[in-house]
Every structure is written in C-alpha cells, then in structure tokens.
C-alpha cells in the first residue's frame, strides 16, 4: 500500500464533515503547488540572498520562531 493509499484509508475513518474539510485542503494544496511561480521581485530576492558572502544561518528553533511571528 502506498503512502497516499494509507492516508486515504485513514481519512475515510473520520467523520464525513472532517473528510470534506481535509479533501478541500488537499485539493487547494495541490492546485497551488502545481501552478506556483515566483514573481520577478521574489526571484530577485532569492538571487540576492544566494549571492550573500556571509549569509545568516538559522537553527530550526529560530527559523520556526520567525515563521510563527510572520503568520501570527
């Protein structure tokens, strides 16, 4: 059994409303990842950061903390 088949089997055990909610989330995720393209501004920022001579490296905890601050 593949991971996707295992995941679907587990999802089918959930109540119908949870199945619908998760199905919407999966379909939304799939549609966004297939068509995502960086804007020119985003691509330039990636190039700029990759060219840095002494880039700042973050540990997992600091990275997670910064992401939490951005989305909260």
PDB file of N, CA and C in Angstrom:
ATOM      1  N   UNK A   1       0.853  -1.179   0.000  1.00  0.00           N
ATOM      2  CA  UNK A   1       0.000   0.000   0.000  1.00  0.00           C
ATOM      3  C   UNK A   1       0.897   1.241   0.000  1.00  0.00           C
ATOM      4  N   UNK A   2       0.617   2.174  -0.897  1.00  0.00           N
ATOM      5  CA  UNK A   2       1.401   3.404  -0.958  1.00  0.00           C
ATOM      6  C   UNK A   2       1.007   4.325   0.194  1.00  0.00           C
ATOM      7  N   UNK A   3       1.821   5.341   0.424  1.00  0.00           N
ATOM      8  CA  UNK A   3       1.504   6.294   1.490  1.00  0.00           C
ATOM      9  C   UNK A   3       0.188   7.010   1.221  1.00  0.00           C
ATOM     10  N   UNK A   4      -0.066   7.356  -0.031  1.00  0.00           N
ATOM     11  CA  UNK A   4      -1.314   8.050  -0.343  1.00  0.00           C
ATOM     12  C   UNK A   4      -2.514   7.141  -0.101  1.00  0.00           C
ATOM     13  N   UNK A   5      -2.379   5.867  -0.436  1.00  0.00           N
ATOM     14  CA  UNK A   5      -3.466   4.915  -0.179  1.00  0.00           C
ATOM     15  C   UNK A   5      -3.689   4.742   1.317  1.00  0.00           C
ATOM     16  N   UNK A   6      -2.611   4.692   2.079  1.00  0.00           N
ATOM     17  CA  UNK A   6      -2.714   4.579   3.533  1.00  0.00           C
ATOM     18  C   UNK A   6      -3.384   5.821   4.118  1.00  0.00           C
ATOM     19  N   UNK A   7      -2.975   6.994   3.629  1.00  0.00           N
ATOM     20  CA  UNK A   7      -3.570   8.245   4.109  1.00  0.00           C
ATOM     21  C   UNK A   7      -5.064   8.288   3.805  1.00  0.00           C
ATOM     22  N   UNK A   8      -5.448   7.900   2.606  1.00  0.00           N
ATOM     23  CA  UNK A   8      -6.865   7.903   2.231  1.00  0.00           C
ATOM     24  C   UNK A   8      -7.653   6.930   3.099  1.00  0.00           C
ATOM     25  N   UNK A   9      -7.087   5.766   3.368  1.00  0.00           N
ATOM     26  CA  UNK A   9      -7.763   4.790   4.230  1.00  0.00           C
ATOM     27  C   UNK A   9      -7.996   5.378   5.620  1.00  0.00           C
ATOM     28  N   UNK A  10      -7.010   6.089   6.138  1.00  0.00           N
ATOM     29  CA  UNK A  10      -7.160   6.704   7.463  1.00  0.00           C
ATOM     30  C   UNK A  10      -8.189   7.832   7.429  1.00  0.00           C
ATOM     31  N   UNK A  11      -8.167   8.633   6.374  1.00  0.00           N
ATOM     32  CA  UNK A  11      -9.119   9.733   6.256  1.00  0.00           C
ATOM     33  C   UNK A  11     -10.552   9.225   6.174  1.00  0.00           C
ATOM     34  N   UNK A  12     -10.750   8.078   5.556  1.00  0.00           N
ATOM     35  CA  UNK A  12     -12.095   7.509   5.430  1.00  0.00           C
ATOM     36  C   UNK A  12     -12.672   7.085   6.774  1.00  0.00           C
ATOM     37  N   UNK A  13     -11.832   6.954   7.781  1.00  0.00           N
ATOM     38  CA  UNK A  13     -12.299   6.592   9.124  1.00  0.00           C
ATOM     39  C   UNK A  13     -12.854   7.800   9.879  1.00  0.00           C
ATOM     40  N   UNK A  14     -12.562   9.001   9.387  1.00  0.00           N
ATOM     41  CA  UNK A  14     -13.000  10.227  10.056  1.00  0.00           C
ATOM     42  C   UNK A  14     -14.467  10.516   9.758  1.00  0.00           C
ATOM     43  N   UNK A  15     -15.104  11.358  10.597  1.00  0.00           N
ATOM     44  CA  UNK A  15     -16.480  11.774  10.310  1.00  0.00           C
ATOM     45  C   UNK A  15     -16.550  12.494   8.955  1.00  0.00           C
ATOM     46  N   UNK A  16     -17.699  12.420   8.312  1.00  0.00           N
ATOM     47  CA  UNK A  16     -17.895  12.948   6.961  1.00  0.00           C
ATOM     48  C   UNK A  16     -17.497  14.426   6.842  1.00  0.00           C
ATOM     49  N   UNK A  17     -17.858  15.262   7.823  1.00  0.00           N
ATOM     50  CA  UNK A  17     -17.528  16.685   7.723  1.00  0.00           C
ATOM     51  C   UNK A  17     -16.015  16.916   7.774  1.00  0.00           C
ATOM     52  N   UNK A  18     -15.297  16.131   8.565  1.00  0.00           N
ATOM     53  CA  UNK A  18     -13.840  16.245   8.611  1.00  0.00           C
ATOM     54  C   UNK A  18     -13.227  15.775   7.295  1.00  0.00           C
ATOM     55  N   UNK A  19     -13.802  14.723   6.707  1.00  0.00           N
ATOM     56  CA  UNK A  19     -13.318  14.242   5.414  1.00  0.00           C
ATOM     57  C   UNK A  19     -13.441  15.344   4.358  1.00  0.00           C
ATOM     58  N   UNK A  20     -14.582  16.016   4.352  1.00  0.00           N
ATOM     59  CA  UNK A  20     -14.814  17.083   3.377  1.00  0.00           C
ATOM     60  C   UNK A  20     -13.826  18.228   3.572  1.00  0.00           C
ATOM     61  N   UNK A  21     -13.613  18.620   4.824  1.00  0.00           N
ATOM     62  CA  UNK A  21     -12.683  19.711   5.135  1.00  0.00           C
ATOM     63  C   UNK A  21     -11.269  19.355   4.673  1.00  0.00           C
ATOM     64  N   UNK A  22     -10.826  18.151   4.983  1.00  0.00           N
ATOM     65  CA  UNK A  22      -9.484  17.728   4.592  1.00  0.00           C
ATOM     66  C   UNK A  22      -9.357  17.564   3.082  1.00  0.00           C
ATOM     67  N   UNK A  23     -10.406  17.090   2.441  1.00  0.00           N
ATOM     68  CA  UNK A  23     -10.377  16.959   0.980  1.00  0.00           C
ATOM     69  C   UNK A  23     -10.217  18.332   0.327  1.00  0.00           C
ATOM     70  N   UNK A  24     -10.930  19.332   0.843  1.00  0.00           N
ATOM     71  CA  UNK A  24     -10.796  20.694   0.321  1.00  0.00           C
ATOM     72  C   UNK A  24      -9.372  21.203   0.504  1.00  0.00           C
ATOM     73  N   UNK A  25      -8.789  20.944   1.681  1.00  0.00           N
ATOM     74  CA  UNK A  25      -7.423  21.392   1.956  1.00  0.00           C
ATOM     75  C   UNK A  25      -6.426  20.728   1.009  1.00  0.00           C
ATOM     76  N   UNK A  26      -6.592  19.444   0.774  1.00  0.00           N
ATOM     77  CA  UNK A  26      -5.685  18.717  -0.121  1.00  0.00           C
ATOM     78  C   UNK A  26      -5.813  19.237  -1.552  1.00  0.00           C
ATOM     79  N   UNK A  27      -7.036  19.430  -2.008  1.00  0.00           N
ATOM     80  CA  UNK A  27      -7.241  19.935  -3.367  1.00  0.00           C
ATOM     81  C   UNK A  27      -6.689  21.350  -3.520  1.00  0.00           C
ATOM     82  N   UNK A  28      -6.865  22.174  -2.501  1.00  0.00           N
ATOM     83  CA  UNK A  28      -6.319  23.532  -2.528  1.00  0.00           C
ATOM     84  C   UNK A  28      -4.798  23.486  -2.602  1.00  0.00           C
ATOM     85  N   UNK A  29      -4.198  22.650  -1.770  1.00  0.00           N
ATOM     86  CA  UNK A  29      -2.740  22.496  -1.774  1.00  0.00           C
ATOM     87  C   UNK A  29      -2.241  22.043  -3.145  1.00  0.00           C
ATOM     88  N   UNK A  30      -2.885  21.049  -3.697  1.00  0.00           N
ATOM     89  CA  UNK A  30      -2.464  20.508  -4.993  1.00  0.00           C
ATOM     90  C   UNK A  30      -2.575  21.559  -6.095  1.00  0.00           C
ATOM     91  N   UNK A  31      -3.626  22.342  -6.072  1.00  0.00           N
ATOM     92  CA  UNK A  31      -3.803  23.346  -7.127  1.00  0.00           C
ATOM     93  C   UNK A  31      -2.777  24.467  -7.009  1.00  0.00           C
ATOM     94  N   UNK A  32      -2.386  24.822  -5.796  1.00  0.00           N
ATOM     95  CA  UNK A  32      -1.407  25.899  -5.620  1.00  0.00           C
ATOM     96  C   UNK A  32       0.004  25.452  -5.953  1.00  0.00           C
ATOM     97  N   UNK A  33       0.369  24.229  -5.616  1.00  0.00           N
ATOM     98  CA  UNK A  33       1.740  23.789  -5.840  1.00  0.00           C
ATOM     99  C   UNK A  33       2.023  23.522  -7.310  1.00  0.00           C
ATOM    100  N   UNK A  34       1.023  23.190  -8.071  1.00  0.00           N
ATOM    101  CA  UNK A  34       1.236  22.897  -9.487  1.00  0.00           C
ATOM    102  C   UNK A  34       1.431  24.159 -10.318  1.00  0.00           C
ATOM    103  N   UNK A  35       0.960  25.284  -9.840  1.00  0.00           N
ATOM    104  CA  UNK A  35       0.966  26.497 -10.651  1.00  0.00           C
ATOM    105  C   UNK A  35       1.758  27.636 -10.020  1.00  0.00           C
ATOM    106  N   UNK A  36       2.525  27.351  -8.985  1.00  0.00           N
ATOM    107  CA  UNK A  36       3.216  28.431  -8.292  1.00  0.00           C
ATOM    108  C   UNK A  36       4.447  28.871  -9.071  1.00  0.00           C
ATOM    109  N   UNK A  37       4.541  30.165  -9.300  1.00  0.00           N
ATOM    110  CA  UNK A  37       5.688  30.754  -9.979  1.00  0.00           C
ATOM    111  C   UNK A  37       6.096  31.988  -9.187  1.00  0.00           C
ATOM    112  N   UNK A  38       7.391  32.153  -8.985  1.00  0.00           N
ATOM    113  CA  UNK A  38       7.874  33.333  -8.275  1.00  0.00           C
ATOM    114  C   UNK A  38       7.634  34.585  -9.111  1.00  0.00           C
ATOM    115  N   UNK A  39       7.306  35.678  -8.422  1.00  0.00           N
ATOM    116  CA  UNK A  39       7.246  36.959  -9.114  1.00  0.00           C
ATOM    117  C   UNK A  39       8.676  37.390  -9.416  1.00  0.00           C
ATOM    118  N   UNK A  40       8.833  38.378 -10.273  1.00  0.00           N
ATOM    119  CA  UNK A  40      10.175  38.889 -10.570  1.00  0.00           C
ATOM    120  C   UNK A  40      10.852  39.392  -9.302  1.00  0.00           C
ATOM    121  N   UNK A  41      10.075  40.050  -8.457  1.00  0.00           N
ATOM    122  CA  UNK A  41      10.612  40.577  -7.196  1.00  0.00           C
ATOM    123  C   UNK A  41      11.085  39.440  -6.284  1.00  0.00           C
ATOM    124  N   UNK A  42      10.299  38.379  -6.177  1.00  0.00           N
ATOM    125  CA  UNK A  42      10.688  37.240  -5.347  1.00  0.00           C
ATOM    126  C   UNK A  42      11.933  36.555  -5.899  1.00  0.00           C
ATOM    127  N   UNK A  43      11.991  36.380  -7.211  1.00  0.00           N
ATOM    128  CA  UNK A  43      13.154  35.743  -7.832  1.00  0.00           C
ATOM    129  C   UNK A  43      14.406  36.573  -7.595  1.00  0.00           C
ATOM    130  N   UNK A  44      14.293  37.894  -7.701  1.00  0.00           N
ATOM    131  CA  UNK A  44      15.439  38.772  -7.449  1.00  0.00           C
ATOM    132  C   UNK A  44      15.895  38.664  -6.000  1.00  0.00           C
ATOM    133  N   UNK A  45      14.955  38.559  -5.075  1.00  0.00           N
ATOM    134  CA  UNK A  45      15.304  38.406  -3.656  1.00  0.00           C
ATOM    135  C   UNK A  45      16.040  37.091  -3.421  1.00  0.00           C
ATOM    136  N   UNK A  46      15.614  36.029  -4.059  1.00  0.00           N
ATOM    137  CA  UNK A  46      16.304  34.737  -3.939  1.00  0.00           C
ATOM    138  C   UNK A  46      17.728  34.862  -4.471  1.00  0.00           C
ATOM    139  N   UNK A  47      17.880  35.480  -5.643  1.00  0.00           N
ATOM    140  CA  UNK A  47      19.223  35.661  -6.213  1.00  0.00           C
ATOM    141  C   UNK A  47      20.102  36.500  -5.292  1.00  0.00           C
ATOM    142  N   UNK A  48      19.539  37.566  -4.738  1.00  0.00           N
ATOM    143  CA  UNK A  48      20.294  38.437  -3.837  1.00  0.00           C
ATOM    144  C   UNK A  48      20.783  37.666  -2.621  1.00  0.00           C
ATOM    145  N   UNK A  49      19.886  36.898  -2.033  1.00  0.00           N
ATOM    146  CA  UNK A  49      20.258  36.150  -0.824  1.00  0.00           C
ATOM    147  C   UNK A  49      21.271  35.048  -1.124  1.00  0.00           C
ATOM    148  N   UNK A  50      21.151  34.422  -2.265  1.00  0.00           N
ATOM    149  CA  UNK A  50      22.100  33.368  -2.619  1.00  0.00           C
ATOM    150  C   UNK A  50      23.492  33.940  -2.887  1.00  0.00           C
ATOM    151  N   UNK A  51      23.563  35.211  -3.281  1.00  0.00           N
ATOM    152  CA  UNK A  51      24.847  35.843  -3.588  1.00  0.00           C
ATOM    153  C   UNK A  51      25.542  36.400  -2.343  1.00  0.00           C
ATOM    154  N   UNK A  52      24.870  36.418  -1.195  1.00  0.00           N
ATOM    155  CA  UNK A  52      25.473  36.959   0.026  1.00  0.00           C
ATOM    156  C   UNK A  52      26.735  36.191   0.379  1.00  0.00           C
ATOM    157  N   UNK A  53      27.790  36.955   0.743  1.00  0.00           N
ATOM    158  CA  UNK A  53      29.062  36.326   1.088  1.00  0.00           C
ATOM    159  C   UNK A  53      29.022  35.672   2.460  1.00  0.00           C
ATOM    160  N   UNK A  54      28.318  36.275   3.392  1.00  0.00           N
ATOM    161  CA  UNK A  54      28.227  35.747   4.759  1.00  0.00           C
ATOM    162  C   UNK A  54      26.759  35.625   5.161  1.00  0.00           C
ATOM    163  N   UNK A  55      26.063  34.687   4.577  1.00  0.00           N
ATOM    164  CA  UNK A  55      24.628  34.570   4.889  1.00  0.00           C
ATOM    165  C   UNK A  55      24.404  34.164   6.344  1.00  0.00           C
ATOM    166  N   UNK A  56      23.309  34.637   6.885  1.00  0.00           N
ATOM    167  CA  UNK A  56      22.928  34.269   8.246  1.00  0.00           C
ATOM    168  C   UNK A  56      22.305  32.883   8.192  1.00  0.00           C
ATOM    169  N   UNK A  57      22.783  31.999   9.037  1.00  0.00           N
ATOM    170  CA  UNK A  57      22.200  30.664   9.105  1.00  0.00           C
ATOM    171  C   UNK A  57      21.386  30.558  10.384  1.00  0.00           C
ATOM    172  N   UNK A  58      20.167  30.091  10.254  1.00  0.00           N
ATOM    173  CA  UNK A  58      19.278  29.948  11.399  1.00  0.00           C
ATOM    174  C   UNK A  58      19.152  28.489  11.778  1.00  0.00           C
ATOM    175  N   UNK A  59      19.100  28.252  13.082  1.00  0.00           N
ATOM    176  CA  UNK A  59      18.787  26.915  13.552  1.00  0.00           C
ATOM    177  C   UNK A  59      17.297  26.668  13.390  1.00  0.00           C
ATOM    178  N   UNK A  60      16.887  25.439  13.582  1.00  0.00           N
ATOM    179  CA  UNK A  60      15.477  25.087  13.395  1.00  0.00           C
ATOM    180  C   UNK A  60      14.562  25.874  14.331  1.00  0.00           C
ATOM    181  N   UNK A  61      14.975  26.042  15.586  1.00  0.00           N
ATOM    182  CA  UNK A  61      14.129  26.761  16.549  1.00  0.00           C
ATOM    183  C   UNK A  61      13.959  28.222  16.157  1.00  0.00           C
ATOM    184  N   UNK A  62      15.044  28.892  15.780  1.00  0.00           N
ATOM    185  CA  UNK A  62      14.961  30.300  15.387  1.00  0.00           C
ATOM    186  C   UNK A  62      14.146  30.451  14.108  1.00  0.00           C
ATOM    187  N   UNK A  63      14.345  29.552  13.160  1.00  0.00           N
ATOM    188  CA  UNK A  63      13.570  29.588  11.923  1.00  0.00           C
ATOM    189  C   UNK A  63      12.077  29.457  12.233  1.00  0.00           C
ATOM    190  N   UNK A  64      11.725  28.475  13.058  1.00  0.00           N
ATOM    191  CA  UNK A  64      10.316  28.254  13.417  1.00  0.00           C
ATOM    192  C   UNK A  64       9.737  29.463  14.133  1.00  0.00           C
ATOM    193  N   UNK A  65      10.519  30.068  15.027  1.00  0.00           N
ATOM    194  CA  UNK A  65      10.050  31.247  15.760  1.00  0.00           C
ATOM    195  C   UNK A  65       9.773  32.399  14.798  1.00  0.00           C
ATOM    196  N   UNK A  66      10.646  32.599  13.833  1.00  0.00           N
ATOM    197  CA  UNK A  66      10.438  33.682  12.860  1.00  0.00           C
ATOM    198  C   UNK A  66       9.204  33.426  12.005  1.00  0.00           C
ATOM    199  N   UNK A  67       9.005  32.198  11.596  1.00  0.00           N
ATOM    200  CA  UNK A  67       7.818  31.868  10.798  1.00  0.00           C
ATOM    201  C   UNK A  67       6.552  32.100  11.618  1.00  0.00           C
ATOM    202  N   UNK A  68       6.568  31.672  12.885  1.00  0.00           N
ATOM    203  CA  UNK A  68       5.390  31.893  13.746  1.00  0.00           C
ATOM    204  C   UNK A  68       5.079  33.376  13.873  1.00  0.00           C
ATOM    205  N   UNK A  69       6.111  34.208  14.006  1.00  0.00           N
ATOM    206  CA  UNK A  69       5.888  35.655  14.111  1.00  0.00           C
ATOM    207  C   UNK A  69       5.297  36.205  12.813  1.00  0.00           C
ATOM    208  N   UNK A  70       5.735  35.694  11.686  1.00  0.00           N
ATOM    209  CA  UNK A  70       5.231  36.177  10.401  1.00  0.00           C
ATOM    210  C   UNK A  70       3.764  35.841  10.175  1.00  0.00           C
ATOM    211  N   UNK A  71       3.346  34.670  10.626  1.00  0.00           N
ATOM    212  CA  UNK A  71       1.970  34.243  10.330  1.00  0.00           C
ATOM    213  C   UNK A  71       0.983  34.536  11.447  1.00  0.00           C
ATOM    214  N   UNK A  72       1.467  35.054  12.555  1.00  0.00           N
ATOM    215  CA  UNK A  72       0.519  35.344  13.651  1.00  0.00           C
ATOM    216  C   UNK A  72       0.082  36.783  13.648  1.00  0.00           C
TER     217      UNK A  72
END
